[in-house]
Amino acid sequence: YQLGIKEDIRNHISALEAELVAEKEKSASALVQVDKNSEARREMDKKLDMQYQRRIAEALDDHLTAIQRDHEHRSQIEERKIRDDAALEEAKRQERASQEEKLRQQKAKA
């Protein structure tokens, strides 16, 4: 009778040991999977960060290009205004010179 009980206990211990080994293997496998998932997540985060940085750089480049284009446009407007003002001043000067010449001619006749 005691031999049967001892055998049952040994079998039970063996079964528990086998179950423990299986659980250890399952845990180790789960840890490996967690590490793989963590690494995959880090890679994905890195990729997304690079895309985000690229988008920021493109947006900044577009913004700076727009500012430069606006600055060039304003400069052209200012240059045109300066030329127009200079042309107007030259026209006024010529008009004054013409009037002065007419006055001289009238005085010379008189």
PDB file of N, CA and C in Angstrom:
ATOM      1  N   TYR A   1       0.836  -1.201   0.000  1.00  0.00           N
ATOM      2  CA  TYR A   1       0.000   0.000   0.000  1.00  0.00           C
ATOM      3  C   TYR A   1       0.869   1.250   0.000  1.00  0.00           C
ATOM      4  N   GLN A   2       1.896   1.286   0.862  1.00  0.00           N
ATOM      5  CA  GLN A   2       2.770   2.455   0.923  1.00  0.00           C
ATOM      6  C   GLN A   2       3.566   2.619  -0.370  1.00  0.00           C
ATOM      7  N   LEU A   3       3.907   1.533  -1.003  1.00  0.00           N
ATOM      8  CA  LEU A   3       4.621   1.621  -2.273  1.00  0.00           C
ATOM      9  C   LEU A   3       3.761   2.314  -3.323  1.00  0.00           C
ATOM     10  N   GLY A   4       2.509   2.035  -3.325  1.00  0.00           N
ATOM     11  CA  GLY A   4       1.575   2.662  -4.267  1.00  0.00           C
ATOM     12  C   GLY A   4       1.467   4.151  -4.014  1.00  0.00           C
ATOM     13  N   ILE A   5       1.413   4.527  -2.742  1.00  0.00           N
ATOM     14  CA  ILE A   5       1.321   5.952  -2.389  1.00  0.00           C
ATOM     15  C   ILE A   5       2.608   6.664  -2.787  1.00  0.00           C
ATOM     16  N   LYS A   6       3.776   6.032  -2.485  1.00  0.00           N
ATOM     17  CA  LYS A   6       5.057   6.630  -2.860  1.00  0.00           C
ATOM     18  C   LYS A   6       5.147   6.799  -4.380  1.00  0.00           C
ATOM     19  N   GLU A   7       4.685   5.788  -5.093  1.00  0.00           N
ATOM     20  CA  GLU A   7       4.702   5.851  -6.558  1.00  0.00           C
ATOM     21  C   GLU A   7       3.799   6.980  -7.057  1.00  0.00           C
ATOM     22  N   ASP A   8       2.631   7.109  -6.458  1.00  0.00           N
ATOM     23  CA  ASP A   8       1.715   8.193  -6.822  1.00  0.00           C
ATOM     24  C   ASP A   8       2.355   9.558  -6.563  1.00  0.00           C
ATOM     25  N   ILE A   9       3.025   9.667  -5.412  1.00  0.00           N
ATOM     26  CA  ILE A   9       3.681  10.935  -5.063  1.00  0.00           C
ATOM     27  C   ILE A   9       4.793  11.238  -6.064  1.00  0.00           C
ATOM     28  N   ARG A  10       5.607  10.204  -6.399  1.00  0.00           N
ATOM     29  CA  ARG A  10       6.683  10.393  -7.379  1.00  0.00           C
ATOM     30  C   ARG A  10       6.109  10.823  -8.738  1.00  0.00           C
ATOM     31  N   ASN A  11       5.051  10.170  -9.144  1.00  0.00           N
ATOM     32  CA  ASN A  11       4.414  10.515 -10.420  1.00  0.00           C
ATOM     33  C   ASN A  11       3.879  11.950 -10.385  1.00  0.00           C
ATOM     34  N   HIS A  12       3.287  12.296  -9.258  1.00  0.00           N
ATOM     35  CA  HIS A  12       2.744  13.646  -9.106  1.00  0.00           C
ATOM     36  C   HIS A  12       3.878  14.688  -9.153  1.00  0.00           C
ATOM     37  N   ILE A  13       4.987  14.390  -8.462  1.00  0.00           N
ATOM     38  CA  ILE A  13       6.150  15.291  -8.463  1.00  0.00           C
ATOM     39  C   ILE A  13       6.717  15.406  -9.878  1.00  0.00           C
ATOM     40  N   SER A  14       6.824  14.293 -10.567  1.00  0.00           N
ATOM     41  CA  SER A  14       7.335  14.310 -11.947  1.00  0.00           C
ATOM     42  C   SER A  14       6.430  15.149 -12.847  1.00  0.00           C
ATOM     43  N   ALA A  15       5.134  14.982 -12.661  1.00  0.00           N
ATOM     44  CA  ALA A  15       4.183  15.755 -13.462  1.00  0.00           C
ATOM     45  C   ALA A  15       4.322  17.245 -13.153  1.00  0.00           C
ATOM     46  N   LEU A  16       4.469  17.575 -11.864  1.00  0.00           N
ATOM     47  CA  LEU A  16       4.640  18.979 -11.483  1.00  0.00           C
ATOM     48  C   LEU A  16       5.948  19.548 -12.041  1.00  0.00           C
ATOM     49  N   GLU A  17       7.022  18.758 -11.992  1.00  0.00           N
ATOM     50  CA  GLU A  17       8.301  19.211 -12.543  1.00  0.00           C
ATOM     51  C   GLU A  17       8.188  19.451 -14.053  1.00  0.00           C
ATOM     52  N   ALA A  18       7.518  18.532 -14.737  1.00  0.00           N
ATOM     53  CA  ALA A  18       7.330  18.685 -16.186  1.00  0.00           C
ATOM     54  C   ALA A  18       6.497  19.932 -16.479  1.00  0.00           C
ATOM     55  N   GLU A  19       5.475  20.140 -15.666  1.00  0.00           N
ATOM     56  CA  GLU A  19       4.633  21.328 -15.833  1.00  0.00           C
ATOM     57  C   GLU A  19       5.443  22.599 -15.576  1.00  0.00           C
ATOM     58  N   LEU A  20       6.308  22.549 -14.550  1.00  0.00           N
ATOM     59  CA  LEU A  20       7.157  23.693 -14.228  1.00  0.00           C
ATOM     60  C   LEU A  20       8.113  24.005 -15.386  1.00  0.00           C
ATOM     61  N   VAL A  21       8.718  22.971 -15.957  1.00  0.00           N
ATOM     62  CA  VAL A  21       9.624  23.158 -17.097  1.00  0.00           C
ATOM     63  C   VAL A  21       8.857  23.774 -18.273  1.00  0.00           C
ATOM     64  N   ALA A  22       7.657  23.264 -18.525  1.00  0.00           N
ATOM     65  CA  ALA A  22       6.838  23.793 -19.622  1.00  0.00           C
ATOM     66  C   ALA A  22       6.497  25.264 -19.368  1.00  0.00           C
ATOM     67  N   GLU A  23       6.148  25.606 -18.136  1.00  0.00           N
ATOM     68  CA  GLU A  23       5.830  27.000 -17.796  1.00  0.00           C
ATOM     69  C   GLU A  23       7.054  27.902 -17.955  1.00  0.00           C
ATOM     70  N   LYS A  24       8.237  27.390 -17.559  1.00  0.00           N
ATOM     71  CA  LYS A  24       9.470  28.165 -17.728  1.00  0.00           C
ATOM     72  C   LYS A  24       9.725  28.441 -19.210  1.00  0.00           C
ATOM     73  N   GLU A  25       9.545  27.399 -20.025  1.00  0.00           N
ATOM     74  CA  GLU A  25       9.755  27.558 -21.466  1.00  0.00           C
ATOM     75  C   GLU A  25       8.754  28.553 -22.054  1.00  0.00           C
ATOM     76  N   LYS A  26       7.511  28.456 -21.591  1.00  0.00           N
ATOM     77  CA  LYS A  26       6.476  29.372 -22.068  1.00  0.00           C
ATOM     78  C   LYS A  26       6.819  30.812 -21.662  1.00  0.00           C
ATOM     79  N   SER A  27       7.297  30.984 -20.422  1.00  0.00           N
ATOM     80  CA  SER A  27       7.677  32.316 -19.941  1.00  0.00           C
ATOM     81  C   SER A  27       8.862  32.865 -20.731  1.00  0.00           C
ATOM     82  N   ALA A  28       9.845  32.007 -20.969  1.00  0.00           N
ATOM     83  CA  ALA A  28      11.018  32.438 -21.733  1.00  0.00           C
ATOM     84  C   ALA A  28      10.608  32.846 -23.144  1.00  0.00           C
ATOM     85  N   SER A  29       9.731  32.058 -23.745  1.00  0.00           N
ATOM     86  CA  SER A  29       9.235  32.369 -25.086  1.00  0.00           C
ATOM     87  C   SER A  29       8.468  33.696 -25.082  1.00  0.00           C
ATOM     88  N   ALA A  30       7.663  33.901 -24.048  1.00  0.00           N
ATOM     89  CA  ALA A  30       6.897  35.146 -23.936  1.00  0.00           C
ATOM     90  C   ALA A  30       7.834  36.342 -23.781  1.00  0.00           C
ATOM     91  N   LEU A  31       8.906  36.186 -22.993  1.00  0.00           N
ATOM     92  CA  LEU A  31       9.873  37.274 -22.825  1.00  0.00           C
ATOM     93  C   LEU A  31      10.580  37.598 -24.140  1.00  0.00           C
ATOM     94  N   VAL A  32      10.931  36.556 -24.889  1.00  0.00           N
ATOM     95  CA  VAL A  32      11.559  36.772 -26.194  1.00  0.00           C
ATOM     96  C   VAL A  32      10.602  37.544 -27.102  1.00  0.00           C
ATOM     97  N   GLN A  33       9.325  37.166 -27.084  1.00  0.00           N
ATOM     98  CA  GLN A  33       8.326  37.850 -27.911  1.00  0.00           C
ATOM     99  C   GLN A  33       8.160  39.307 -27.474  1.00  0.00           C
ATOM    100  N   VAL A  34       8.161  39.538 -26.158  1.00  0.00           N
ATOM    101  CA  VAL A  34       8.064  40.912 -25.646  1.00  0.00           C
ATOM    102  C   VAL A  34       9.255  41.737 -26.133  1.00  0.00           C
ATOM    103  N   ASP A  35      10.457  41.152 -26.077  1.00  0.00           N
ATOM    104  CA  ASP A  35      11.648  41.855 -26.564  1.00  0.00           C
ATOM    105  C   ASP A  35      11.532  42.171 -28.055  1.00  0.00           C
ATOM    106  N   LYS A  36      11.059  41.193 -28.830  1.00  0.00           N
ATOM    107  CA  LYS A  36      10.881  41.413 -30.272  1.00  0.00           C
ATOM    108  C   LYS A  36       9.875  42.532 -30.520  1.00  0.00           C
ATOM    109  N   ASN A  37       8.768  42.484 -29.791  1.00  0.00           N
ATOM    110  CA  ASN A  37       7.740  43.517 -29.953  1.00  0.00           C
ATOM    111  C   ASN A  37       8.273  44.897 -29.561  1.00  0.00           C
ATOM    112  N   SER A  38       9.054  44.938 -28.477  1.00  0.00           N
ATOM    113  CA  SER A  38       9.633  46.214 -28.034  1.00  0.00           C
ATOM    114  C   SER A  38      10.576  46.771 -29.096  1.00  0.00           C
ATOM    115  N   GLU A  39      11.405  45.907 -29.656  1.00  0.00           N
ATOM    116  CA  GLU A  39      12.339  46.337 -30.698  1.00  0.00           C
ATOM    117  C   GLU A  39      11.580  46.807 -31.941  1.00  0.00           C
ATOM    118  N   ALA A  40      10.542  46.063 -32.312  1.00  0.00           N
ATOM    119  CA  ALA A  40       9.729  46.461 -33.471  1.00  0.00           C
ATOM    120  C   ALA A  40       9.077  47.821 -33.212  1.00  0.00           C
ATOM    121  N   ARG A  41       8.612  48.026 -31.996  1.00  0.00           N
ATOM    122  CA  ARG A  41       7.978  49.303 -31.646  1.00  0.00           C
ATOM    123  C   ARG A  41       8.993  50.451 -31.707  1.00  0.00           C
ATOM    124  N   ARG A  42      10.207  50.186 -31.201  1.00  0.00           N
ATOM    125  CA  ARG A  42      11.258  51.211 -31.257  1.00  0.00           C
ATOM    126  C   ARG A  42      11.584  51.575 -32.709  1.00  0.00           C
ATOM    127  N   GLU A  43      11.677  50.552 -33.552  1.00  0.00           N
ATOM    128  CA  GLU A  43      11.955  50.799 -34.968  1.00  0.00           C
ATOM    129  C   GLU A  43      10.828  51.606 -35.614  1.00  0.00           C
ATOM    130  N   MET A  44       9.589  51.254 -35.282  1.00  0.00           N
ATOM    131  CA  MET A  44       8.440  51.972 -35.839  1.00  0.00           C
ATOM    132  C   MET A  44       8.442  53.423 -35.348  1.00  0.00           C
ATOM    133  N   ASP A  45       8.721  53.620 -34.057  1.00  0.00           N
ATOM    134  CA  ASP A  45       8.784  54.982 -33.512  1.00  0.00           C
ATOM    135  C   ASP A  45       9.875  55.793 -34.204  1.00  0.00           C
ATOM    136  N   LYS A  46      11.024  55.142 -34.436  1.00  0.00           N
ATOM    137  CA  LYS A  46      12.135  55.814 -35.106  1.00  0.00           C
ATOM    138  C   LYS A  46      11.732  56.203 -36.533  1.00  0.00           C
ATOM    139  N   LYS A  47      11.076  55.278 -37.225  1.00  0.00           N
ATOM    140  CA  LYS A  47      10.631  55.544 -38.597  1.00  0.00           C
ATOM    141  C   LYS A  47       9.619  56.695 -38.621  1.00  0.00           C
ATOM    142  N   LEU A  48       8.653  56.652 -37.696  1.00  0.00           N
ATOM    143  CA  LEU A  48       7.646  57.711 -37.637  1.00  0.00           C
ATOM    144  C   LEU A  48       8.278  59.053 -37.284  1.00  0.00           C
ATOM    145  N   ASP A  49       9.265  59.020 -36.383  1.00  0.00           N
ATOM    146  CA  ASP A  49       9.959  60.248 -36.002  1.00  0.00           C
ATOM    147  C   ASP A  49      10.697  60.837 -37.205  1.00  0.00           C
ATOM    148  N   MET A  50      11.335  59.964 -37.994  1.00  0.00           N
ATOM    149  CA  MET A  50      12.037  60.436 -39.192  1.00  0.00           C
ATOM    150  C   MET A  50      11.043  61.056 -40.176  1.00  0.00           C
ATOM    151  N   GLN A  51       9.891  60.414 -40.355  1.00  0.00           N
ATOM    152  CA  GLN A  51       8.876  60.959 -41.256  1.00  0.00           C
ATOM    153  C   GLN A  51       8.392  62.317 -40.743  1.00  0.00           C
ATOM    154  N   TYR A  52       8.174  62.399 -39.433  1.00  0.00           N
ATOM    155  CA  TYR A  52       7.714  63.650 -38.825  1.00  0.00           C
ATOM    156  C   TYR A  52       8.759  64.747 -39.023  1.00  0.00           C
ATOM    157  N   GLN A  53      10.025  64.410 -38.779  1.00  0.00           N
ATOM    158  CA  GLN A  53      11.104  65.387 -38.955  1.00  0.00           C
ATOM    159  C   GLN A  53      11.189  65.830 -40.416  1.00  0.00           C
ATOM    160  N   ARG A  54      11.005  64.875 -41.342  1.00  0.00           N
ATOM    161  CA  ARG A  54      11.044  65.206 -42.763  1.00  0.00           C
ATOM    162  C   ARG A  54       9.902  66.161 -43.116  1.00  0.00           C
ATOM    163  N   ARG A  55       8.715  65.879 -42.585  1.00  0.00           N
ATOM    164  CA  ARG A  55       7.571  66.758 -42.854  1.00  0.00           C
ATOM    165  C   ARG A  55       7.810  68.158 -42.299  1.00  0.00           C
ATOM    166  N   ILE A  56       8.375  68.229 -41.102  1.00  0.00           N
ATOM    167  CA  ILE A  56       8.682  69.536 -40.507  1.00  0.00           C
ATOM    168  C   ILE A  56       9.688  70.279 -41.388  1.00  0.00           C
ATOM    169  N   ALA A  57      10.722  69.570 -41.839  1.00  0.00           N
ATOM    170  CA  ALA A  57      11.738  70.205 -42.687  1.00  0.00           C
ATOM    171  C   ALA A  57      11.117  70.693 -43.997  1.00  0.00           C
ATOM    172  N   GLU A  58      10.240  69.874 -44.587  1.00  0.00           N
ATOM    173  CA  GLU A  58       9.588  70.281 -45.838  1.00  0.00           C
ATOM    174  C   GLU A  58       8.689  71.497 -45.612  1.00  0.00           C
ATOM    175  N   ALA A  59       7.950  71.489 -44.509  1.00  0.00           N
ATOM    176  CA  ALA A  59       7.068  72.623 -44.209  1.00  0.00           C
ATOM    177  C   ALA A  59       7.892  73.889 -43.977  1.00  0.00           C
ATOM    178  N   LEU A  60       9.000  73.752 -43.265  1.00  0.00           N
ATOM    179  CA  LEU A  60       9.874  74.904 -43.021  1.00  0.00           C
ATOM    180  C   LEU A  60      10.455  75.413 -44.336  1.00  0.00           C
ATOM    181  N   ASP A  61      10.885  74.488 -45.182  1.00  0.00           N
ATOM    182  CA  ASP A  61      11.426  74.876 -46.483  1.00  0.00           C
ATOM    183  C   ASP A  61      10.370  75.610 -47.309  1.00  0.00           C
ATOM    184  N   ASP A  62       9.152  75.079 -47.327  1.00  0.00           N
ATOM    185  CA  ASP A  62       8.062  75.740 -48.057  1.00  0.00           C
ATOM    186  C   ASP A  62       7.800  77.138 -47.497  1.00  0.00           C
ATOM    187  N   HIS A  63       7.804  77.232 -46.172  1.00  0.00           N
ATOM    188  CA  HIS A  63       7.556  78.522 -45.521  1.00  0.00           C
ATOM    189  C   HIS A  63       8.653  79.531 -45.880  1.00  0.00           C
ATOM    190  N   LEU A  64       9.906  79.084 -45.791  1.00  0.00           N
ATOM    191  CA  LEU A  64      11.014  79.989 -46.105  1.00  0.00           C
ATOM    192  C   LEU A  64      11.000  80.387 -47.580  1.00  0.00           C
ATOM    193  N   THR A  65      10.627  79.452 -48.439  1.00  0.00           N
ATOM    194  CA  THR A  65      10.514  79.768 -49.866  1.00  0.00           C
ATOM    195  C   THR A  65       9.433  80.820 -50.092  1.00  0.00           C
ATOM    196  N   ALA A  66       8.307  80.673 -49.405  1.00  0.00           N
ATOM    197  CA  ALA A  66       7.218  81.649 -49.531  1.00  0.00           C
ATOM    198  C   ALA A  66       7.663  83.018 -49.017  1.00  0.00           C
ATOM    199  N   ILE A  67       8.388  83.027 -47.912  1.00  0.00           N
ATOM    200  CA  ILE A  67       8.891  84.299 -47.370  1.00  0.00           C
ATOM    201  C   ILE A  67       9.856  84.944 -48.364  1.00  0.00           C
ATOM    202  N   GLN A  68      10.749  84.132 -48.920  1.00  0.00           N
ATOM    203  CA  GLN A  68      11.713  84.666 -49.888  1.00  0.00           C
ATOM    204  C   GLN A  68      10.989  85.211 -51.120  1.00  0.00           C
ATOM    205  N   ARG A  69       9.996  84.478 -51.606  1.00  0.00           N
ATOM    206  CA  ARG A  69       9.229  84.928 -52.773  1.00  0.00           C
ATOM    207  C   ARG A  69       8.511  86.245 -52.457  1.00  0.00           C
ATOM    208  N   ASP A  70       7.932  86.330 -51.260  1.00  0.00           N
ATOM    209  CA  ASP A  70       7.247  87.556 -50.845  1.00  0.00           C
ATOM    210  C   ASP A  70       8.237  88.717 -50.752  1.00  0.00           C
ATOM    211  N   HIS A  71       9.412  88.435 -50.191  1.00  0.00           N
ATOM    212  CA  HIS A  71      10.440  89.479 -50.065  1.00  0.00           C
ATOM    213  C   HIS A  71      10.870  89.978 -51.449  1.00  0.00           C
ATOM    214  N   GLU A  72      11.072  89.027 -52.377  1.00  0.00           N
ATOM    215  CA  GLU A  72      11.459  89.415 -53.732  1.00  0.00           C
ATOM    216  C   GLU A  72      10.357  90.243 -54.388  1.00  0.00           C
ATOM    217  N   HIS A  73       9.123  89.847 -54.185  1.00  0.00           N
ATOM    218  CA  HIS A  73       7.994  90.588 -54.756  1.00  0.00           C
ATOM    219  C   HIS A  73       7.949  92.004 -54.192  1.00  0.00           C
ATOM    220  N   ARG A  74       8.110  92.124 -52.878  1.00  0.00           N
ATOM    221  CA  ARG A  74       8.109  93.451 -52.249  1.00  0.00           C
ATOM    222  C   ARG A  74       9.275  94.299 -52.762  1.00  0.00           C
ATOM    223  N   SER A  75      10.435  93.649 -52.941  1.00  0.00           N
ATOM    224  CA  SER A  75      11.597  94.379 -53.456  1.00  0.00           C
ATOM    225  C   SER A  75      11.333  94.889 -54.866  1.00  0.00           C
ATOM    226  N   GLN A  76      10.706  94.049 -55.686  1.00  0.00           N
ATOM    227  CA  GLN A  76      10.380  94.476 -57.052  1.00  0.00           C
ATOM    228  C   GLN A  76       9.414  95.657 -57.032  1.00  0.00           C
ATOM    229  N   ILE A  77       8.420  95.586 -56.157  1.00  0.00           N
ATOM    230  CA  ILE A  77       7.463  96.696 -56.035  1.00  0.00           C
ATOM    231  C   ILE A  77       8.188  97.968 -55.605  1.00  0.00           C
ATOM    232  N   GLU A  78       9.077  97.839 -54.626  1.00  0.00           N
ATOM    233  CA  GLU A  78       9.822  98.999 -54.128  1.00  0.00           C
ATOM    234  C   GLU A  78      10.733  99.564 -55.221  1.00  0.00           C
ATOM    235  N   GLU A  79      11.408  98.671 -55.964  1.00  0.00           N
ATOM    236  CA  GLU A  79      12.272  99.133 -57.054  1.00  0.00           C
ATOM    237  C   GLU A  79      11.450  99.858 -58.124  1.00  0.00           C
ATOM    238  N   ARG A  80      10.286  99.310 -58.462  1.00  0.00           N
ATOM    239  CA  ARG A  80       9.409  99.943 -59.450  1.00  0.00           C
ATOM    240  C   ARG A  80       8.978 101.324 -58.961  1.00  0.00           C
ATOM    241  N   LYS A  81       8.644 101.416 -57.669  1.00  0.00           N
ATOM    242  CA  LYS A  81       8.228 102.699 -57.090  1.00  0.00           C
ATOM    243  C   LYS A  81       9.375 103.712 -57.173  1.00  0.00           C
ATOM    244  N   ILE A  82      10.584 103.257 -56.855  1.00  0.00           N
ATOM    245  CA  ILE A  82      11.749 104.150 -56.916  1.00  0.00           C
ATOM    246  C   ILE A  82      11.974 104.631 -58.352  1.00  0.00           C
ATOM    247  N   ARG A  83      11.884 103.708 -59.325  1.00  0.00           N
ATOM    248  CA  ARG A  83      12.057 104.099 -60.735  1.00  0.00           C
ATOM    249  C   ARG A  83      10.964 105.072 -61.171  1.00  0.00           C
ATOM    250  N   ASP A  84       9.716 104.765 -60.759  1.00  0.00           N
ATOM    251  CA  ASP A  84       8.606 105.660 -61.112  1.00  0.00           C
ATOM    252  C   ASP A  84       8.796 107.045 -60.500  1.00  0.00           C
ATOM    253  N   ASP A  85       9.219 107.076 -59.230  1.00  0.00           N
ATOM    254  CA  ASP A  85       9.464 108.365 -58.567  1.00  0.00           C
ATOM    255  C   ASP A  85      10.588 109.123 -59.270  1.00  0.00           C
ATOM    256  N   ALA A  86      11.650 108.393 -59.649  1.00  0.00           N
ATOM    257  CA  ALA A  86      12.775 109.033 -60.334  1.00  0.00           C
ATOM    258  C   ALA A  86      12.329 109.570 -61.692  1.00  0.00           C
ATOM    259  N   ALA A  87      11.516 108.781 -62.397  1.00  0.00           N
ATOM    260  CA  ALA A  87      11.015 109.231 -63.704  1.00  0.00           C
ATOM    261  C   ALA A  87      10.132 110.463 -63.536  1.00  0.00           C
ATOM    262  N   LEU A  88       9.310 110.475 -62.495  1.00  0.00           N
ATOM    263  CA  LEU A  88       8.447 111.627 -62.230  1.00  0.00           C
ATOM    264  C   LEU A  88       9.287 112.864 -61.912  1.00  0.00           C
ATOM    265  N   GLU A  89      10.305 112.704 -61.085  1.00  0.00           N
ATOM    266  CA  GLU A  89      11.196 113.822 -60.751  1.00  0.00           C
ATOM    267  C   GLU A  89      11.910 114.331 -62.001  1.00  0.00           C
ATOM    268  N   GLU A  90      12.356 113.398 -62.845  1.00  0.00           N
ATOM    269  CA  GLU A  90      13.028 113.796 -64.088  1.00  0.00           C
ATOM    270  C   GLU A  90      12.064 114.561 -64.995  1.00  0.00           C
ATOM    271  N   ALA A  91      10.823 114.092 -65.075  1.00  0.00           N
ATOM    272  CA  ALA A  91       9.815 114.784 -65.894  1.00  0.00           C
ATOM    273  C   ALA A  91       9.561 116.183 -65.339  1.00  0.00           C
ATOM    274  N   LYS A  92       9.478 116.316 -64.028  1.00  0.00           N
ATOM    275  CA  LYS A  92       9.277 117.638 -63.409  1.00  0.00           C
ATOM    276  C   LYS A  92      10.471 118.542 -63.696  1.00  0.00           C
ATOM    277  N   ARG A  93      11.668 117.989 -63.581  1.00  0.00           N
ATOM    278  CA  ARG A  93      12.885 118.773 -63.838  1.00  0.00           C
ATOM    279  C   ARG A  93      12.903 119.259 -65.287  1.00  0.00           C
ATOM    280  N   GLN A  94      12.566 118.350 -66.196  1.00  0.00           N
ATOM    281  CA  GLN A  94      12.541 118.745 -67.609  1.00  0.00           C
ATOM    282  C   GLN A  94      11.470 119.802 -67.862  1.00  0.00           C
ATOM    283  N   GLU A  95      10.324 119.655 -67.200  1.00  0.00           N
ATOM    284  CA  GLU A  95       9.245 120.648 -67.348  1.00  0.00           C
ATOM    285  C   GLU A  95       9.711 122.011 -66.842  1.00  0.00           C
ATOM    286  N   ARG A  96      10.383 122.035 -65.685  1.00  0.00           N
ATOM    287  CA  ARG A  96      10.905 123.299 -65.147  1.00  0.00           C
ATOM    288  C   ARG A  96      11.944 123.897 -66.102  1.00  0.00           C
ATOM    289  N   ALA A  97      12.822 123.032 -66.596  1.00  0.00           N
ATOM    290  CA  ALA A  97      13.859 123.513 -67.521  1.00  0.00           C
ATOM    291  C   ALA A  97      13.213 124.084 -68.778  1.00  0.00           C
ATOM    292  N   SER A  98      12.185 123.403 -69.255  1.00  0.00           N
ATOM    293  CA  SER A  98      11.473 123.876 -70.452  1.00  0.00           C
ATOM    294  C   SER A  98      10.815 125.222 -70.181  1.00  0.00           C
ATOM    295  N   GLN A  99      10.176 125.376 -69.018  1.00  0.00           N
ATOM    296  CA  GLN A  99       9.522 126.644 -68.667  1.00  0.00           C
ATOM    297  C   GLN A  99      10.555 127.755 -68.502  1.00  0.00           C
ATOM    298  N   GLU A 100      11.699 127.427 -67.880  1.00  0.00           N
ATOM    299  CA  GLU A 100      12.755 128.430 -67.710  1.00  0.00           C
ATOM    300  C   GLU A 100      13.289 128.879 -69.067  1.00  0.00           C
ATOM    301  N   GLU A 101      13.429 127.904 -69.979  1.00  0.00           N
ATOM    302  CA  GLU A 101      13.907 128.237 -71.326  1.00  0.00           C
ATOM    303  C   GLU A 101      12.909 129.148 -72.041  1.00  0.00           C
ATOM    304  N   LYS A 102      11.623 128.860 -71.896  1.00  0.00           N
ATOM    305  CA  LYS A 102      10.585 129.707 -72.504  1.00  0.00           C
ATOM    306  C   LYS A 102      10.642 131.116 -71.921  1.00  0.00           C
ATOM    307  N   LEU A 103      10.823 131.212 -70.592  1.00  0.00           N
ATOM    308  CA  LEU A 103      10.925 132.523 -69.946  1.00  0.00           C
ATOM    309  C   LEU A 103      12.128 133.295 -70.479  1.00  0.00           C
ATOM    310  N   ARG A 104      13.261 132.618 -70.631  1.00  0.00           N
ATOM    311  CA  ARG A 104      14.458 133.273 -71.156  1.00  0.00           C
ATOM    312  C   ARG A 104      14.225 133.785 -72.581  1.00  0.00           C
ATOM    313  N   GLN A 105      13.573 132.935 -73.355  1.00  0.00           N
ATOM    314  CA  GLN A 105      13.303 133.342 -74.743  1.00  0.00           C
ATOM    315  C   GLN A 105      12.364 134.550 -74.780  1.00  0.00           C
ATOM    316  N   GLN A 106      11.366 134.546 -73.883  1.00  0.00           N
ATOM    317  CA  GLN A 106      10.430 135.683 -73.831  1.00  0.00           C
ATOM    318  C   GLN A 106      11.160 136.947 -73.384  1.00  0.00           C
ATOM    319  N   LYS A 107      12.051 136.808 -72.409  1.00  0.00           N
ATOM    320  CA  LYS A 107      12.821 137.968 -71.939  1.00  0.00           C
ATOM    321  C   LYS A 107      13.756 138.464 -73.034  1.00  0.00           C
ATOM    322  N   ALA A 108      14.306 137.508 -73.769  1.00  0.00           N
ATOM    323  CA  ALA A 108      15.236 137.889 -74.838  1.00  0.00           C
ATOM    324  C   ALA A 108      14.502 138.651 -75.934  1.00  0.00           C
ATOM    325  N   LYS A 109      13.267 138.313 -76.219  1.00  0.00           N
ATOM    326  CA  LYS A 109      12.460 138.994 -77.236  1.00  0.00           C
ATOM    327  C   LYS A 109      12.059 140.385 -76.749  1.00  0.00           C
ATOM    328  N   ALA A 110      11.871 140.486 -75.455  1.00  0.00           N
ATOM    329  CA  ALA A 110      11.353 141.740 -74.908  1.00  0.00           C
ATOM    330  C   ALA A 110      12.389 142.811 -74.826  1.00  0.00           C
TER     331      ALA A 110
END
